[in-house]
Amino acid sequence: MSRTLILVYGLLTYALFFGVFLYAIAFLGNFYLPNSIDAAPTAPFWQALSINLGLLALFAVQHSVMARPAFKRAWTRIVPEPAERSTYVLFSNLAMIAFFVFWEPMGGSIWTVTAEPWRSIINGIYFLGWGVLFYATWLINHFDLFGLRQVWYHFRGQPRPALKFRVPGMHKHVRHPIYVGWLIIFWTTPTMTAAHFLFAVMTTAYIIIAIQFEEKDLVDTFGDDYRRYQKDVGMLVPKARSRTSSEPA
């Protein structure tokens, strides 16, 4: 595959990600969509539950397996190395699109907040979660995370500089601000149906498990720097005091 084609591939994959990102805001927040996560059920409860668990399992397997170094080493025998991250993003997009298309609302109500200003405050915190998530991607190099940095350096025929261990911004207080953003998004809603509750519980469990694998990879990459960082900075909740002066990229 030529350098130009790999660059175009990376750009198109990123554009698809941005569309999926915007759709997810509306889908999970129940804005403007007839088939949002808390819509009225159209299938029997147990059928909906089975479908939704399958979609969540698909998403978890895709994200976890494709992110592991061993898979990447095998995968780059098929996919050009500069396009590996863009391909991961592409499959993540496809998993999310399948989630949007096939997700089945399940009815029921865990809680519903209709009174103002509380409903607006909850929606405001929901959007804050998206802001935390998006901002956190820039702290660790947004373009590398979504594959654009890789295809750009390849297009220019230059080696991609390795990312150094850093602790920018929110990383001084929690090790995984991206996941903090996701947790705010998953749980902050004025309408929590059975389907939304299932989604929030399962994705929270996935995050806790995924962090263990991710941190093992980070220790393998950054060694004692990351071990000291783990000791000084909380995983998802800030510790009373953080003494570290370096950061993960």
C-alpha atoms as a PDB file:
ATOM      1  CA  MET A   1       0.000   0.000   0.000  1.00  0.00           C
ATOM      2  CA  SER A   2       1.437   3.377  -1.000  1.00  0.00           C
ATOM      3  CA  ARG A   3       2.156   6.138   1.474  1.00  0.00           C
ATOM      4  CA  THR A   4      -0.631   8.258   0.025  1.00  0.00           C
ATOM      5  CA  LEU A   5      -3.191   5.475   0.327  1.00  0.00           C
ATOM      6  CA  ILE A   6      -2.187   4.805   3.926  1.00  0.00           C
ATOM      7  CA  LEU A   7      -2.541   8.526   4.702  1.00  0.00           C
ATOM      8  CA  VAL A   8      -5.989   8.682   3.072  1.00  0.00           C
ATOM      9  CA  TYR A   9      -6.981   5.503   4.932  1.00  0.00           C
ATOM     10  CA  GLY A  10      -5.963   7.069   8.241  1.00  0.00           C
ATOM     11  CA  LEU A  11      -7.826  10.304   7.501  1.00  0.00           C
ATOM     12  CA  LEU A  12     -11.021   8.493   6.487  1.00  0.00           C
ATOM     13  CA  THR A  13     -10.866   6.284   9.566  1.00  0.00           C
ATOM     14  CA  TYR A  14     -10.488   9.355  11.762  1.00  0.00           C
ATOM     15  CA  ALA A  15     -13.423  11.065  10.030  1.00  0.00           C
ATOM     16  CA  LEU A  16     -15.543   7.975  10.704  1.00  0.00           C
ATOM     17  CA  PHE A  17     -14.463   8.056  14.351  1.00  0.00           C
ATOM     18  CA  PHE A  18     -15.583  11.662  14.679  1.00  0.00           C
ATOM     19  CA  GLY A  19     -19.007  10.820  13.262  1.00  0.00           C
ATOM     20  CA  VAL A  20     -19.331   7.871  15.660  1.00  0.00           C
ATOM     21  CA  PHE A  21     -18.211  10.099  18.544  1.00  0.00           C
ATOM     22  CA  LEU A  22     -20.935  12.668  17.837  1.00  0.00           C
ATOM     23  CA  TYR A  23     -23.579   9.980  17.344  1.00  0.00           C
ATOM     24  CA  ALA A  24     -22.609   8.375  20.663  1.00  0.00           C
ATOM     25  CA  ILE A  25     -23.260  11.669  22.467  1.00  0.00           C
ATOM     26  CA  ALA A  26     -26.823  11.690  21.134  1.00  0.00           C
ATOM     27  CA  PHE A  27     -27.366   7.932  21.561  1.00  0.00           C
ATOM     28  CA  LEU A  28     -26.226   7.665  25.186  1.00  0.00           C
ATOM     29  CA  GLY A  29     -27.783  11.012  26.136  1.00  0.00           C
ATOM     30  CA  ASN A  30     -31.165  10.350  24.483  1.00  0.00           C
ATOM     31  CA  PHE A  31     -30.947  13.420  22.277  1.00  0.00           C
ATOM     32  CA  TYR A  32     -32.819  13.652  18.955  1.00  0.00           C
ATOM     33  CA  LEU A  33     -32.730   9.917  18.185  1.00  0.00           C
ATOM     34  CA  PRO A  34     -35.763   7.590  18.117  1.00  0.00           C
ATOM     35  CA  ASN A  35     -33.573   4.550  18.858  1.00  0.00           C
ATOM     36  CA  SER A  36     -31.464   5.894  21.747  1.00  0.00           C
ATOM     37  CA  ILE A  37     -30.284   3.722  24.614  1.00  0.00           C
ATOM     38  CA  ASP A  38     -33.349   4.472  26.764  1.00  0.00           C
ATOM     39  CA  ALA A  39     -35.973   4.269  24.011  1.00  0.00           C
ATOM     40  CA  ALA A  40     -39.155   2.227  24.397  1.00  0.00           C
ATOM     41  CA  PRO A  41     -38.568  -1.543  24.075  1.00  0.00           C
ATOM     42  CA  THR A  42     -39.533  -3.319  20.847  1.00  0.00           C
ATOM     43  CA  ALA A  43     -38.414  -6.876  21.672  1.00  0.00           C
ATOM     44  CA  PRO A  44     -39.098  -9.304  24.535  1.00  0.00           C
ATOM     45  CA  PHE A  45     -36.935  -8.636  27.593  1.00  0.00           C
ATOM     46  CA  TRP A  46     -34.848 -11.826  27.460  1.00  0.00           C
ATOM     47  CA  GLN A  47     -34.254 -11.473  23.733  1.00  0.00           C
ATOM     48  CA  ALA A  48     -33.135  -7.876  24.225  1.00  0.00           C
ATOM     49  CA  LEU A  49     -30.893  -8.894  27.121  1.00  0.00           C
ATOM     50  CA  SER A  50     -29.186 -11.609  25.051  1.00  0.00           C
ATOM     51  CA  ILE A  51     -28.592  -9.280  22.102  1.00  0.00           C
ATOM     52  CA  ASN A  52     -27.230  -6.505  24.297  1.00  0.00           C
ATOM     53  CA  LEU A  53     -24.862  -8.813  26.177  1.00  0.00           C
ATOM     54  CA  GLY A  54     -23.584 -10.098  22.844  1.00  0.00           C
ATOM     55  CA  LEU A  55     -22.940  -6.548  21.611  1.00  0.00           C
ATOM     56  CA  LEU A  56     -21.112  -5.642  24.809  1.00  0.00           C
ATOM     57  CA  ALA A  57     -19.011  -8.812  24.585  1.00  0.00           C
ATOM     58  CA  LEU A  58     -18.135  -8.034  20.956  1.00  0.00           C
ATOM     59  CA  PHE A  59     -17.029  -4.536  21.908  1.00  0.00           C
ATOM     60  CA  ALA A  60     -14.965  -5.760  24.874  1.00  0.00           C
ATOM     61  CA  VAL A  61     -13.205  -8.508  22.917  1.00  0.00           C
ATOM     62  CA  GLN A  62     -12.405  -6.231  19.990  1.00  0.00           C
ATOM     63  CA  HIS A  63     -11.018  -3.480  22.227  1.00  0.00           C
ATOM     64  CA  SER A  64      -9.010  -5.763  24.486  1.00  0.00           C
ATOM     65  CA  VAL A  65      -7.587  -8.247  21.995  1.00  0.00           C
ATOM     66  CA  MET A  66      -6.598  -5.733  19.320  1.00  0.00           C
ATOM     67  CA  ALA A  67      -4.900  -3.500  21.900  1.00  0.00           C
ATOM     68  CA  ARG A  68      -2.520  -6.169  23.163  1.00  0.00           C
ATOM     69  CA  PRO A  69       1.119  -6.021  21.973  1.00  0.00           C
ATOM     70  CA  ALA A  70       1.158  -9.716  20.971  1.00  0.00           C
ATOM     71  CA  PHE A  71      -1.844  -9.200  18.690  1.00  0.00           C
ATOM     72  CA  LYS A  72      -0.272  -6.092  17.199  1.00  0.00           C
ATOM     73  CA  ARG A  73       2.907  -7.985  16.363  1.00  0.00           C
ATOM     74  CA  ALA A  74       0.918 -10.685  14.561  1.00  0.00           C
ATOM     75  CA  TRP A  75      -1.505  -8.219  12.972  1.00  0.00           C
ATOM     76  CA  THR A  76       1.251  -6.106  11.404  1.00  0.00           C
ATOM     77  CA  ARG A  77       2.286  -9.105   9.319  1.00  0.00           C
ATOM     78  CA  ILE A  78      -0.959  -8.466   7.425  1.00  0.00           C
ATOM     79  CA  VAL A  79      -1.616  -4.751   7.948  1.00  0.00           C
ATOM     80  CA  PRO A  80       1.177  -2.203   7.288  1.00  0.00           C
ATOM     81  CA  GLU A  81       2.614  -1.095  10.619  1.00  0.00           C
ATOM     82  CA  PRO A  82       1.843   2.623  10.069  1.00  0.00           C
ATOM     83  CA  ALA A  83      -1.822   1.695   9.484  1.00  0.00           C
ATOM     84  CA  GLU A  84      -2.119  -0.603  12.513  1.00  0.00           C
ATOM     85  CA  ARG A  85      -3.588   2.013  14.855  1.00  0.00           C
ATOM     86  CA  SER A  86      -5.964   3.325  12.192  1.00  0.00           C
ATOM     87  CA  THR A  87      -7.165  -0.244  11.645  1.00  0.00           C
ATOM     88  CA  TYR A  88      -7.785  -0.617  15.372  1.00  0.00           C
ATOM     89  CA  VAL A  89      -9.811   2.605  15.271  1.00  0.00           C
ATOM     90  CA  LEU A  90     -11.728   1.341  12.226  1.00  0.00           C
ATOM     91  CA  PHE A  91     -12.735  -1.898  13.958  1.00  0.00           C
ATOM     92  CA  SER A  92     -13.667   0.069  17.084  1.00  0.00           C
ATOM     93  CA  ASN A  93     -15.887   2.275  14.919  1.00  0.00           C
ATOM     94  CA  LEU A  94     -17.534  -0.769  13.363  1.00  0.00           C
ATOM     95  CA  ALA A  95     -18.153  -2.290  16.804  1.00  0.00           C
ATOM     96  CA  MET A  96     -19.779   0.952  17.914  1.00  0.00           C
ATOM     97  CA  ILE A  97     -21.918   1.169  14.783  1.00  0.00           C
ATOM     98  CA  ALA A  98     -23.116  -2.403  15.402  1.00  0.00           C
ATOM     99  CA  PHE A  99     -23.922  -1.331  18.956  1.00  0.00           C
ATOM    100  CA  PHE A 100     -26.016   1.608  17.716  1.00  0.00           C
ATOM    101  CA  VAL A 101     -27.847  -0.423  15.075  1.00  0.00           C
ATOM    102  CA  PHE A 102     -28.636  -3.574  17.037  1.00  0.00           C
ATOM    103  CA  TRP A 103     -28.968  -2.346  20.628  1.00  0.00           C
ATOM    104  CA  GLU A 104     -32.352  -3.252  22.096  1.00  0.00           C
ATOM    105  CA  PRO A 105     -34.018  -1.002  24.706  1.00  0.00           C
ATOM    106  CA  MET A 106     -35.326  -3.044  27.633  1.00  0.00           C
ATOM    107  CA  GLY A 107     -37.830  -0.776  29.363  1.00  0.00           C
ATOM    108  CA  GLY A 108     -38.166  -0.408  33.099  1.00  0.00           C
ATOM    109  CA  SER A 109     -37.001   2.556  35.136  1.00  0.00           C
ATOM    110  CA  ILE A 110     -34.202   2.554  37.698  1.00  0.00           C
ATOM    111  CA  TRP A 111     -34.593   6.290  38.117  1.00  0.00           C
ATOM    112  CA  THR A 112     -36.123   9.196  36.220  1.00  0.00           C
ATOM    113  CA  VAL A 113     -35.473  12.871  36.921  1.00  0.00           C
ATOM    114  CA  THR A 114     -37.880  15.309  35.257  1.00  0.00           C
ATOM    115  CA  ALA A 115     -37.815  18.292  37.623  1.00  0.00           C
ATOM    116  CA  GLU A 116     -35.745  21.340  36.750  1.00  0.00           C
ATOM    117  CA  PRO A 117     -33.087  22.457  37.338  1.00  0.00           C
ATOM    118  CA  TRP A 118     -31.939  18.949  38.329  1.00  0.00           C
ATOM    119  CA  ARG A 119     -32.501  17.419  34.911  1.00  0.00           C
ATOM    120  CA  SER A 120     -30.452  20.159  33.251  1.00  0.00           C
ATOM    121  CA  ILE A 121     -27.714  19.834  35.872  1.00  0.00           C
ATOM    122  CA  ILE A 122     -27.473  16.083  35.247  1.00  0.00           C
ATOM    123  CA  ASN A 123     -27.296  16.645  31.481  1.00  0.00           C
ATOM    124  CA  GLY A 124     -24.618  19.275  32.091  1.00  0.00           C
ATOM    125  CA  ILE A 125     -22.507  16.775  34.041  1.00  0.00           C
ATOM    126  CA  TYR A 126     -23.057  14.276  31.201  1.00  0.00           C
ATOM    127  CA  PHE A 127     -21.582  16.741  28.694  1.00  0.00           C
ATOM    128  CA  LEU A 128     -18.784  17.502  31.158  1.00  0.00           C
ATOM    129  CA  GLY A 129     -17.903  13.800  30.977  1.00  0.00           C
ATOM    130  CA  TRP A 130     -17.541  14.047  27.210  1.00  0.00           C
ATOM    131  CA  GLY A 131     -15.396  17.144  27.688  1.00  0.00           C
ATOM    132  CA  VAL A 132     -13.125  15.316  30.153  1.00  0.00           C
ATOM    133  CA  LEU A 133     -12.838  12.383  27.754  1.00  0.00           C
ATOM    134  CA  PHE A 134     -11.999  14.492  24.708  1.00  0.00           C
ATOM    135  CA  TYR A 135      -9.584  16.751  26.587  1.00  0.00           C
ATOM    136  CA  ALA A 136      -7.793  13.728  28.081  1.00  0.00           C
ATOM    137  CA  THR A 137      -7.091  12.348  24.593  1.00  0.00           C
ATOM    138  CA  TRP A 138      -5.187  15.534  23.763  1.00  0.00           C
ATOM    139  CA  LEU A 139      -3.118  15.282  26.928  1.00  0.00           C
ATOM    140  CA  ILE A 140      -1.637  11.941  25.831  1.00  0.00           C
ATOM    141  CA  ASN A 141      -1.399  12.851  22.101  1.00  0.00           C
ATOM    142  CA  HIS A 142      -4.790  12.722  20.407  1.00  0.00           C
ATOM    143  CA  PHE A 143      -3.363  12.181  16.927  1.00  0.00           C
ATOM    144  CA  ASP A 144      -1.248   9.206  17.994  1.00  0.00           C
ATOM    145  CA  LEU A 145      -4.184   7.662  19.857  1.00  0.00           C
ATOM    146  CA  PHE A 146      -6.320   7.717  16.694  1.00  0.00           C
ATOM    147  CA  GLY A 147      -3.619   6.764  14.205  1.00  0.00           C
ATOM    148  CA  LEU A 148      -3.076  10.071  12.413  1.00  0.00           C
ATOM    149  CA  ARG A 149       0.442  10.645  13.734  1.00  0.00           C
ATOM    150  CA  GLN A 150       1.521   7.227  12.480  1.00  0.00           C
ATOM    151  CA  VAL A 151       0.220   7.662   8.921  1.00  0.00           C
ATOM    152  CA  TRP A 152       1.522  11.248   8.705  1.00  0.00           C
ATOM    153  CA  TYR A 153       5.118  10.371   9.577  1.00  0.00           C
ATOM    154  CA  HIS A 154       4.934   7.411   7.199  1.00  0.00           C
ATOM    155  CA  PHE A 155       3.639   9.680   4.424  1.00  0.00           C
ATOM    156  CA  ARG A 156       6.583  12.020   4.969  1.00  0.00           C
ATOM    157  CA  GLY A 157       9.031   9.105   4.991  1.00  0.00           C
ATOM    158  CA  GLN A 158      10.219   9.917   8.493  1.00  0.00           C
ATOM    159  CA  PRO A 159      10.536   7.667  11.552  1.00  0.00           C
ATOM    160  CA  ARG A 160       7.867   8.334  14.147  1.00  0.00           C
ATOM    161  CA  PRO A 161       9.454   9.682  17.365  1.00  0.00           C
ATOM    162  CA  ALA A 162       8.693   7.504  20.371  1.00  0.00           C
ATOM    163  CA  LEU A 163       6.293   8.937  22.911  1.00  0.00           C
ATOM    164  CA  LYS A 164       7.985   9.713  26.209  1.00  0.00           C
ATOM    165  CA  PHE A 165       6.636   9.102  29.684  1.00  0.00           C
ATOM    166  CA  ARG A 166       4.884  12.285  30.778  1.00  0.00           C
ATOM    167  CA  VAL A 167       2.244  13.335  33.288  1.00  0.00           C
ATOM    168  CA  PRO A 168       0.288  16.220  31.761  1.00  0.00           C
ATOM    169  CA  GLY A 169      -2.732  17.944  33.267  1.00  0.00           C
ATOM    170  CA  MET A 170      -5.277  15.573  34.778  1.00  0.00           C
ATOM    171  CA  HIS A 171      -2.737  12.736  34.738  1.00  0.00           C
ATOM    172  CA  LYS A 172      -1.151  14.364  37.781  1.00  0.00           C
ATOM    173  CA  HIS A 173      -4.288  13.481  39.746  1.00  0.00           C
ATOM    174  CA  VAL A 174      -5.570  10.216  38.198  1.00  0.00           C
ATOM    175  CA  ARG A 175      -3.775   7.713  36.007  1.00  0.00           C
ATOM    176  CA  HIS A 176      -6.696   7.171  33.632  1.00  0.00           C
ATOM    177  CA  PRO A 177      -8.687  10.385  33.052  1.00  0.00           C
ATOM    178  CA  ILE A 178     -10.078   8.988  29.786  1.00  0.00           C
ATOM    179  CA  TYR A 179     -11.788   6.234  31.757  1.00  0.00           C
ATOM    180  CA  VAL A 180     -12.980   8.773  34.327  1.00  0.00           C
ATOM    181  CA  GLY A 181     -14.682  10.613  31.477  1.00  0.00           C
ATOM    182  CA  TRP A 182     -16.312   7.387  30.281  1.00  0.00           C
ATOM    183  CA  LEU A 183     -17.596   6.569  33.770  1.00  0.00           C
ATOM    184  CA  ILE A 184     -19.174  10.016  34.092  1.00  0.00           C
ATOM    185  CA  ILE A 185     -20.831   9.500  30.699  1.00  0.00           C
ATOM    186  CA  PHE A 186     -22.096   6.001  31.490  1.00  0.00           C
ATOM    187  CA  TRP A 187     -23.680   6.828  34.847  1.00  0.00           C
ATOM    188  CA  THR A 188     -24.825  10.438  34.548  1.00  0.00           C
ATOM    189  CA  THR A 189     -28.298  10.385  33.058  1.00  0.00           C
ATOM    190  CA  PRO A 190     -31.697  11.745  34.131  1.00  0.00           C
ATOM    191  CA  THR A 191     -33.286   8.541  32.757  1.00  0.00           C
ATOM    192  CA  MET A 192     -31.804   5.192  33.764  1.00  0.00           C
ATOM    193  CA  THR A 193     -33.654   2.280  32.208  1.00  0.00           C
ATOM    194  CA  ALA A 194     -32.796  -1.414  32.554  1.00  0.00           C
ATOM    195  CA  ALA A 195     -30.864  -1.330  29.270  1.00  0.00           C
ATOM    196  CA  HIS A 196     -28.862   1.729  30.299  1.00  0.00           C
ATOM    197  CA  PHE A 197     -28.145   0.171  33.715  1.00  0.00           C
ATOM    198  CA  LEU A 198     -26.941  -3.040  32.060  1.00  0.00           C
ATOM    199  CA  PHE A 199     -24.709  -0.991  29.774  1.00  0.00           C
ATOM    200  CA  ALA A 200     -23.284   1.082  32.647  1.00  0.00           C
ATOM    201  CA  VAL A 201     -22.586  -1.931  34.884  1.00  0.00           C
ATOM    202  CA  MET A 202     -20.965  -4.034  32.159  1.00  0.00           C
ATOM    203  CA  THR A 203     -18.842  -1.232  30.733  1.00  0.00           C
ATOM    204  CA  THR A 204     -17.698  -0.239  34.222  1.00  0.00           C
ATOM    205  CA  ALA A 205     -16.641  -3.837  34.879  1.00  0.00           C
ATOM    206  CA  TYR A 206     -14.855  -3.873  31.533  1.00  0.00           C
ATOM    207  CA  ILE A 207     -12.966  -0.669  32.392  1.00  0.00           C
ATOM    208  CA  ILE A 208     -11.741  -2.071  35.714  1.00  0.00           C
ATOM    209  CA  ILE A 209     -10.524  -5.258  34.012  1.00  0.00           C
ATOM    210  CA  ALA A 210      -9.046  -3.465  30.981  1.00  0.00           C
ATOM    211  CA  ILE A 211      -7.009  -1.159  33.198  1.00  0.00           C
ATOM    212  CA  GLN A 212      -5.177  -4.151  34.659  1.00  0.00           C
ATOM    213  CA  PHE A 213      -4.015  -5.304  31.213  1.00  0.00           C
ATOM    214  CA  GLU A 214      -3.242  -1.760  30.083  1.00  0.00           C
ATOM    215  CA  GLU A 215      -1.127  -1.023  33.132  1.00  0.00           C
ATOM    216  CA  LYS A 216       0.816  -4.249  32.702  1.00  0.00           C
ATOM    217  CA  ASP A 217       1.694  -3.101  29.170  1.00  0.00           C
ATOM    218  CA  LEU A 218       2.667   0.343  30.501  1.00  0.00           C
ATOM    219  CA  VAL A 219       4.943  -1.187  33.129  1.00  0.00           C
ATOM    220  CA  ASP A 220       6.541  -3.332  30.422  1.00  0.00           C
ATOM    221  CA  THR A 221       7.109  -0.190  28.344  1.00  0.00           C
ATOM    222  CA  PHE A 222       8.124   2.387  30.967  1.00  0.00           C
ATOM    223  CA  GLY A 223       9.387   0.186  33.810  1.00  0.00           C
ATOM    224  CA  ASP A 224      10.154   1.871  37.141  1.00  0.00           C
ATOM    225  CA  ASP A 225       8.856   5.249  35.938  1.00  0.00           C
ATOM    226  CA  TYR A 226       5.371   3.822  35.658  1.00  0.00           C
ATOM    227  CA  ARG A 227       5.669   1.814  38.900  1.00  0.00           C
ATOM    228  CA  ARG A 228       6.453   5.030  40.788  1.00  0.00           C
ATOM    229  CA  TYR A 229       3.553   6.705  39.024  1.00  0.00           C
ATOM    230  CA  GLN A 230       1.201   3.906  40.135  1.00  0.00           C
ATOM    231  CA  LYS A 231       2.385   4.358  43.711  1.00  0.00           C
ATOM    232  CA  ASP A 232       1.915   8.127  43.752  1.00  0.00           C
ATOM    233  CA  VAL A 233      -1.261   8.671  41.686  1.00  0.00           C
ATOM    234  CA  GLY A 234      -4.688   7.095  42.043  1.00  0.00           C
ATOM    235  CA  MET A 235      -6.079   4.931  39.269  1.00  0.00           C
ATOM    236  CA  LEU A 236      -9.488   6.615  38.900  1.00  0.00           C
ATOM    237  CA  VAL A 237      -9.829   8.618  42.121  1.00  0.00           C
ATOM    238  CA  PRO A 238      -7.212  11.179  43.198  1.00  0.00           C
ATOM    239  CA  LYS A 239      -5.038  10.331  46.170  1.00  0.00           C
ATOM    240  CA  ALA A 240      -4.612  12.827  48.986  1.00  0.00           C
ATOM    241  CA  ARG A 241      -1.244  13.858  47.608  1.00  0.00           C
ATOM    242  CA  SER A 242       0.646  13.194  44.358  1.00  0.00           C
ATOM    243  CA  ARG A 243       4.430  13.554  44.356  1.00  0.00           C
ATOM    244  CA  THR A 244       5.220  12.346  40.846  1.00  0.00           C
ATOM    245  CA  SER A 245       6.810  14.689  38.356  1.00  0.00           C
ATOM    246  CA  SER A 246       6.672  12.576  35.222  1.00  0.00           C
ATOM    247  CA  GLU A 247       3.768  11.540  32.983  1.00  0.00           C
ATOM    248  CA  PRO A 248       2.511   8.748  30.765  1.00  0.00           C
ATOM    249  CA  ALA A 249       2.086   9.452  27.100  1.00  0.00           C
END
